[in-house]
Amino acid sequence: MTFTAPRPGILPCQAIDTLIAAGAVTSDTPFDADQVQPASLDLRLSDRGWRVRASFLPGERTVETRIQDVVMHTIDLAGGAVLEKGCVYIVKLQERLSLPPGVVARANPKSSTGR
């Protein structure tokens, strides 16, 4: 299955479903039934995270490589966790993107932005 980007703008849920069916969006676990929203995809945390000294830009390196320079400790999220207010965390997501040409994505850390 191939995906042709519709006109510029935010993708509707039908286009997101097509990207999933085409393998452009994959996940470590099956997608939840309510994960695809009218104009977005809810991203889920994996079972691994890191508390880091400060936020950073990876530059020419990958985020995973750059984390090693600033990591304080690794966090196992498999059973849930309480994160401290005012601290910086990086958490691996379950979803992966391999978007076709002409399609870009943006992640937003605040679930309430669209409300």
N, C-alpha and C. Protein backbone atom coordinates (compact mmCIF):
# COMPACT_ATOMS: atom_id res chain seq x y z
N MET A 1 0.85 -1.17 0.00
CA MET A 1 0.00 0.00 0.00
C MET A 1 0.90 1.24 0.00
N THR A 2 0.58 2.21 -0.79
CA THR A 2 1.35 3.45 -0.83
C THR A 2 0.48 4.59 -0.30
N PHE A 3 1.15 5.66 0.06
CA PHE A 3 0.44 6.82 0.61
C PHE A 3 0.82 8.05 -0.20
N THR A 4 -0.16 8.75 -0.68
CA THR A 4 0.06 10.01 -1.36
C THR A 4 -0.46 11.11 -0.45
N ALA A 5 0.42 12.04 -0.12
CA ALA A 5 0.02 13.12 0.79
C ALA A 5 -1.08 13.97 0.17
N PRO A 6 -2.14 14.21 0.93
CA PRO A 6 -3.17 15.12 0.43
C PRO A 6 -2.62 16.54 0.40
N ARG A 7 -3.44 17.48 0.10
CA ARG A 7 -2.98 18.87 0.06
C ARG A 7 -2.35 19.25 1.41
N PRO A 8 -1.52 20.29 1.43
CA PRO A 8 -0.84 20.68 2.67
C PRO A 8 -1.81 20.93 3.82
N GLY A 9 -1.38 20.59 5.01
CA GLY A 9 -2.20 20.81 6.20
C GLY A 9 -2.10 19.63 7.15
N ILE A 10 -2.97 19.62 8.10
CA ILE A 10 -3.01 18.55 9.10
C ILE A 10 -3.71 17.34 8.50
N LEU A 11 -3.16 16.16 8.73
CA LEU A 11 -3.76 14.94 8.19
C LEU A 11 -4.98 14.53 9.00
N PRO A 12 -6.05 14.14 8.35
CA PRO A 12 -7.22 13.63 9.06
C PRO A 12 -6.96 12.19 9.51
N CYS A 13 -7.82 11.68 10.35
CA CYS A 13 -7.65 10.34 10.90
C CYS A 13 -7.58 9.27 9.80
N GLN A 14 -8.32 9.45 8.71
CA GLN A 14 -8.29 8.46 7.62
C GLN A 14 -6.88 8.37 7.02
N ALA A 15 -6.20 9.51 6.87
CA ALA A 15 -4.85 9.51 6.33
C ALA A 15 -3.86 8.89 7.31
N ILE A 16 -4.06 9.13 8.60
CA ILE A 16 -3.21 8.51 9.63
C ILE A 16 -3.39 7.00 9.61
N ASP A 17 -4.64 6.54 9.50
CA ASP A 17 -4.92 5.10 9.40
C ASP A 17 -4.23 4.50 8.17
N THR A 18 -4.22 5.24 7.06
CA THR A 18 -3.56 4.76 5.84
C THR A 18 -2.05 4.65 6.05
N LEU A 19 -1.46 5.63 6.74
CA LEU A 19 -0.02 5.57 7.03
C LEU A 19 0.31 4.36 7.90
N ILE A 20 -0.55 4.05 8.84
CA ILE A 20 -0.35 2.87 9.69
C ILE A 20 -0.45 1.60 8.85
N ALA A 21 -1.47 1.51 8.01
CA ALA A 21 -1.66 0.33 7.15
C ALA A 21 -0.51 0.17 6.17
N ALA A 22 0.08 1.28 5.73
CA ALA A 22 1.19 1.23 4.78
C ALA A 22 2.53 0.94 5.46
N GLY A 23 2.56 0.92 6.80
CA GLY A 23 3.80 0.64 7.52
C GLY A 23 4.68 1.87 7.72
N ALA A 24 4.16 3.05 7.42
CA ALA A 24 4.93 4.28 7.64
C ALA A 24 4.93 4.67 9.11
N VAL A 25 3.93 4.19 9.84
CA VAL A 25 3.85 4.37 11.29
C VAL A 25 3.71 2.98 11.88
N THR A 26 4.66 2.60 12.72
CA THR A 26 4.63 1.28 13.34
C THR A 26 4.71 1.44 14.86
N SER A 27 4.51 0.35 15.57
CA SER A 27 4.53 0.40 17.03
C SER A 27 5.11 -0.88 17.59
N ASP A 28 5.74 -0.76 18.77
CA ASP A 28 6.26 -1.93 19.47
C ASP A 28 5.14 -2.87 19.91
N THR A 29 3.96 -2.32 20.14
CA THR A 29 2.80 -3.09 20.56
C THR A 29 1.63 -2.73 19.64
N PRO A 30 0.58 -3.52 19.60
CA PRO A 30 -0.56 -3.18 18.74
C PRO A 30 -1.12 -1.80 19.07
N PHE A 31 -1.61 -1.11 18.05
CA PHE A 31 -2.20 0.20 18.27
C PHE A 31 -3.48 0.06 19.07
N ASP A 32 -3.73 1.01 19.96
CA ASP A 32 -4.98 1.04 20.72
C ASP A 32 -6.11 1.50 19.80
N ALA A 33 -7.32 1.04 20.06
CA ALA A 33 -8.47 1.39 19.22
C ALA A 33 -8.73 2.89 19.18
N ASP A 34 -8.45 3.60 20.26
CA ASP A 34 -8.72 5.04 20.31
C ASP A 34 -7.46 5.90 20.17
N GLN A 35 -6.39 5.31 19.70
CA GLN A 35 -5.12 6.04 19.59
C GLN A 35 -5.11 7.07 18.46
N VAL A 36 -5.77 6.74 17.36
CA VAL A 36 -5.87 7.69 16.24
C VAL A 36 -7.03 8.63 16.54
N GLN A 37 -6.71 9.91 16.62
CA GLN A 37 -7.69 10.96 16.91
C GLN A 37 -8.10 11.64 15.60
N PRO A 38 -9.07 12.55 15.61
CA PRO A 38 -9.52 13.18 14.37
C PRO A 38 -8.40 13.82 13.54
N ALA A 39 -7.38 14.36 14.17
CA ALA A 39 -6.29 14.99 13.40
C ALA A 39 -4.94 14.77 14.08
N SER A 40 -4.81 13.64 14.79
CA SER A 40 -3.54 13.36 15.47
C SER A 40 -3.45 11.89 15.85
N LEU A 41 -2.27 11.51 16.29
CA LEU A 41 -2.02 10.16 16.78
C LEU A 41 -1.47 10.29 18.18
N ASP A 42 -2.13 9.68 19.16
CA ASP A 42 -1.62 9.70 20.52
C ASP A 42 -0.40 8.78 20.59
N LEU A 43 0.69 9.31 21.11
CA LEU A 43 1.92 8.53 21.25
C LEU A 43 2.00 7.97 22.66
N ARG A 44 2.54 6.75 22.77
CA ARG A 44 2.60 6.08 24.06
C ARG A 44 4.04 5.89 24.50
N LEU A 45 4.26 5.99 25.79
CA LEU A 45 5.59 5.79 26.34
C LEU A 45 5.94 4.30 26.34
N SER A 46 7.22 4.01 26.15
CA SER A 46 7.67 2.62 26.23
C SER A 46 7.99 2.31 27.70
N ASP A 47 8.72 1.26 27.92
CA ASP A 47 9.04 0.86 29.29
C ASP A 47 10.41 1.37 29.75
N ARG A 48 11.02 2.29 28.98
CA ARG A 48 12.37 2.76 29.34
C ARG A 48 12.48 4.27 29.20
N GLY A 49 13.09 4.88 30.20
CA GLY A 49 13.33 6.32 30.16
C GLY A 49 14.62 6.66 30.85
N TRP A 50 14.99 7.91 30.79
CA TRP A 50 16.22 8.39 31.40
C TRP A 50 15.97 9.71 32.09
N ARG A 51 16.51 9.87 33.27
CA ARG A 51 16.55 11.20 33.88
C ARG A 51 17.88 11.80 33.46
N VAL A 52 17.81 13.02 32.93
CA VAL A 52 19.02 13.67 32.43
C VAL A 52 19.25 14.98 33.17
N ARG A 53 20.50 15.43 33.17
CA ARG A 53 20.87 16.65 33.89
C ARG A 53 20.19 17.88 33.31
N ALA A 54 20.03 17.91 32.00
CA ALA A 54 19.44 19.08 31.34
C ALA A 54 18.95 18.68 29.96
N SER A 55 18.05 19.47 29.41
CA SER A 55 17.62 19.22 28.04
C SER A 55 18.78 19.51 27.10
N PHE A 56 18.72 18.99 25.90
CA PHE A 56 19.83 19.14 24.96
C PHE A 56 19.35 18.98 23.53
N LEU A 57 20.16 19.44 22.62
CA LEU A 57 19.96 19.18 21.19
C LEU A 57 21.00 18.15 20.79
N PRO A 58 20.62 17.10 20.08
CA PRO A 58 21.58 16.04 19.77
C PRO A 58 22.65 16.45 18.76
N GLY A 59 22.39 17.49 17.98
CA GLY A 59 23.38 17.90 16.97
C GLY A 59 23.51 16.83 15.90
N GLU A 60 24.73 16.49 15.55
CA GLU A 60 25.00 15.49 14.51
C GLU A 60 24.83 14.06 15.02
N ARG A 61 24.72 13.87 16.33
CA ARG A 61 24.62 12.54 16.91
C ARG A 61 23.17 12.12 17.09
N THR A 62 22.95 10.85 17.34
CA THR A 62 21.60 10.38 17.64
C THR A 62 21.27 10.73 19.08
N VAL A 63 19.99 10.79 19.39
CA VAL A 63 19.57 11.09 20.76
C VAL A 63 20.10 10.01 21.70
N GLU A 64 20.01 8.74 21.31
CA GLU A 64 20.49 7.66 22.18
C GLU A 64 21.97 7.78 22.49
N THR A 65 22.76 8.20 21.53
CA THR A 65 24.20 8.40 21.77
C THR A 65 24.42 9.60 22.68
N ARG A 66 23.71 10.67 22.42
CA ARG A 66 23.88 11.92 23.18
C ARG A 66 23.41 11.78 24.63
N ILE A 67 22.42 10.94 24.87
CA ILE A 67 21.92 10.73 26.24
C ILE A 67 23.05 10.29 27.16
N GLN A 68 23.96 9.49 26.65
CA GLN A 68 25.05 8.97 27.49
C GLN A 68 25.88 10.08 28.13
N ASP A 69 25.92 11.25 27.52
CA ASP A 69 26.67 12.38 28.07
C ASP A 69 25.95 13.09 29.21
N VAL A 70 24.65 12.97 29.30
CA VAL A 70 23.88 13.75 30.27
C VAL A 70 23.01 12.90 31.21
N VAL A 71 23.06 11.59 31.06
CA VAL A 71 22.17 10.72 31.85
C VAL A 71 22.58 10.70 33.32
N MET A 72 21.57 10.75 34.18
CA MET A 72 21.79 10.58 35.61
C MET A 72 21.49 9.13 35.99
N HIS A 73 20.36 8.62 35.48
CA HIS A 73 20.03 7.21 35.67
C HIS A 73 18.92 6.80 34.71
N THR A 74 18.84 5.49 34.48
CA THR A 74 17.81 4.91 33.63
C THR A 74 16.60 4.58 34.50
N ILE A 75 15.41 4.71 33.92
CA ILE A 75 14.18 4.46 34.66
C ILE A 75 13.42 3.33 33.98
N ASP A 76 13.05 2.30 34.75
CA ASP A 76 12.22 1.22 34.24
C ASP A 76 10.76 1.62 34.45
N LEU A 77 10.04 1.81 33.35
CA LEU A 77 8.65 2.26 33.42
C LEU A 77 7.65 1.12 33.27
N ALA A 78 8.15 -0.12 33.20
CA ALA A 78 7.28 -1.27 32.95
C ALA A 78 6.15 -1.38 33.96
N GLY A 79 6.42 -1.08 35.19
CA GLY A 79 5.39 -1.18 36.23
C GLY A 79 4.82 0.16 36.64
N GLY A 80 5.14 1.21 35.86
CA GLY A 80 4.71 2.57 36.22
C GLY A 80 5.80 3.24 37.03
N ALA A 81 5.73 4.54 37.14
CA ALA A 81 6.73 5.29 37.90
C ALA A 81 6.17 6.65 38.26
N VAL A 82 6.73 7.22 39.29
CA VAL A 82 6.41 8.59 39.67
C VAL A 82 7.60 9.44 39.26
N LEU A 83 7.34 10.44 38.41
CA LEU A 83 8.40 11.32 37.95
C LEU A 83 8.38 12.60 38.78
N GLU A 84 9.57 13.10 39.09
CA GLU A 84 9.69 14.28 39.94
C GLU A 84 9.42 15.56 39.15
N LYS A 85 8.69 16.47 39.75
CA LYS A 85 8.40 17.77 39.16
C LYS A 85 9.70 18.57 39.05
N GLY A 86 9.86 19.27 37.94
CA GLY A 86 11.03 20.12 37.76
C GLY A 86 12.27 19.39 37.25
N CYS A 87 12.16 18.10 36.98
CA CYS A 87 13.28 17.32 36.46
C CYS A 87 13.09 17.09 34.97
N VAL A 88 14.19 16.80 34.28
CA VAL A 88 14.13 16.55 32.84
C VAL A 88 14.25 15.05 32.60
N TYR A 89 13.29 14.52 31.83
CA TYR A 89 13.27 13.11 31.48
C TYR A 89 13.17 12.95 29.97
N ILE A 90 13.77 11.92 29.47
CA ILE A 90 13.60 11.51 28.08
C ILE A 90 13.07 10.09 28.13
N VAL A 91 11.97 9.85 27.42
CA VAL A 91 11.36 8.53 27.44
C VAL A 91 11.19 8.05 26.00
N LYS A 92 11.61 6.84 25.75
CA LYS A 92 11.45 6.23 24.44
C LYS A 92 9.96 5.99 24.19
N LEU A 93 9.53 6.21 22.97
CA LEU A 93 8.13 5.98 22.59
C LEU A 93 7.96 4.58 22.01
N GLN A 94 6.73 4.09 22.00
CA GLN A 94 6.43 2.80 21.37
C GLN A 94 6.32 2.93 19.85
N GLU A 95 5.96 4.12 19.37
CA GLU A 95 5.73 4.32 17.94
C GLU A 95 7.01 4.70 17.21
N ARG A 96 7.08 4.31 15.92
CA ARG A 96 8.21 4.63 15.05
C ARG A 96 7.65 5.18 13.74
N LEU A 97 8.38 6.13 13.14
CA LEU A 97 7.95 6.73 11.88
C LEU A 97 8.95 6.47 10.78
N SER A 98 8.46 6.19 9.62
CA SER A 98 9.23 6.11 8.39
C SER A 98 8.34 6.73 7.31
N LEU A 99 8.19 8.03 7.39
CA LEU A 99 7.21 8.73 6.57
C LEU A 99 7.65 8.86 5.13
N PRO A 100 6.69 8.83 4.22
CA PRO A 100 7.01 8.97 2.80
C PRO A 100 7.41 10.41 2.48
N PRO A 101 8.06 10.62 1.33
CA PRO A 101 8.42 11.98 0.93
C PRO A 101 7.20 12.90 0.91
N GLY A 102 7.40 14.12 1.37
CA GLY A 102 6.32 15.09 1.38
C GLY A 102 5.49 15.10 2.64
N VAL A 103 5.74 14.15 3.54
CA VAL A 103 4.98 14.10 4.80
C VAL A 103 5.95 14.33 5.95
N VAL A 104 5.63 15.28 6.81
CA VAL A 104 6.44 15.55 8.00
C VAL A 104 5.55 15.42 9.22
N ALA A 105 6.16 15.18 10.36
CA ALA A 105 5.40 15.03 11.59
C ALA A 105 5.97 15.94 12.66
N ARG A 106 5.13 16.26 13.60
CA ARG A 106 5.54 17.08 14.74
C ARG A 106 4.94 16.48 15.99
N ALA A 107 5.76 16.32 17.01
CA ALA A 107 5.27 15.81 18.29
C ALA A 107 5.09 16.98 19.25
N ASN A 108 4.04 16.89 20.04
CA ASN A 108 3.75 17.92 21.03
C ASN A 108 3.65 17.24 22.38
N PRO A 109 4.44 17.68 23.37
CA PRO A 109 4.44 17.00 24.68
C PRO A 109 3.23 17.29 25.54
N LYS A 110 2.32 18.14 25.09
CA LYS A 110 1.17 18.50 25.93
C LYS A 110 -0.12 17.96 25.32
N SER A 111 -0.74 17.04 26.01
CA SER A 111 -1.98 16.47 25.47
C SER A 111 -3.12 17.47 25.47
N SER A 112 -3.02 18.51 26.26
CA SER A 112 -4.11 19.47 26.34
C SER A 112 -4.04 20.58 25.29
N THR A 113 -3.03 20.58 24.43
CA THR A 113 -2.86 21.65 23.45
C THR A 113 -4.05 21.78 22.53
N GLY A 114 -4.61 20.67 22.10
CA GLY A 114 -5.72 20.71 21.15
C GLY A 114 -7.07 21.04 21.80
N ARG A 115 -7.12 21.08 23.10
CA ARG A 115 -8.39 21.34 23.80
C ARG A 115 -8.66 22.82 23.95
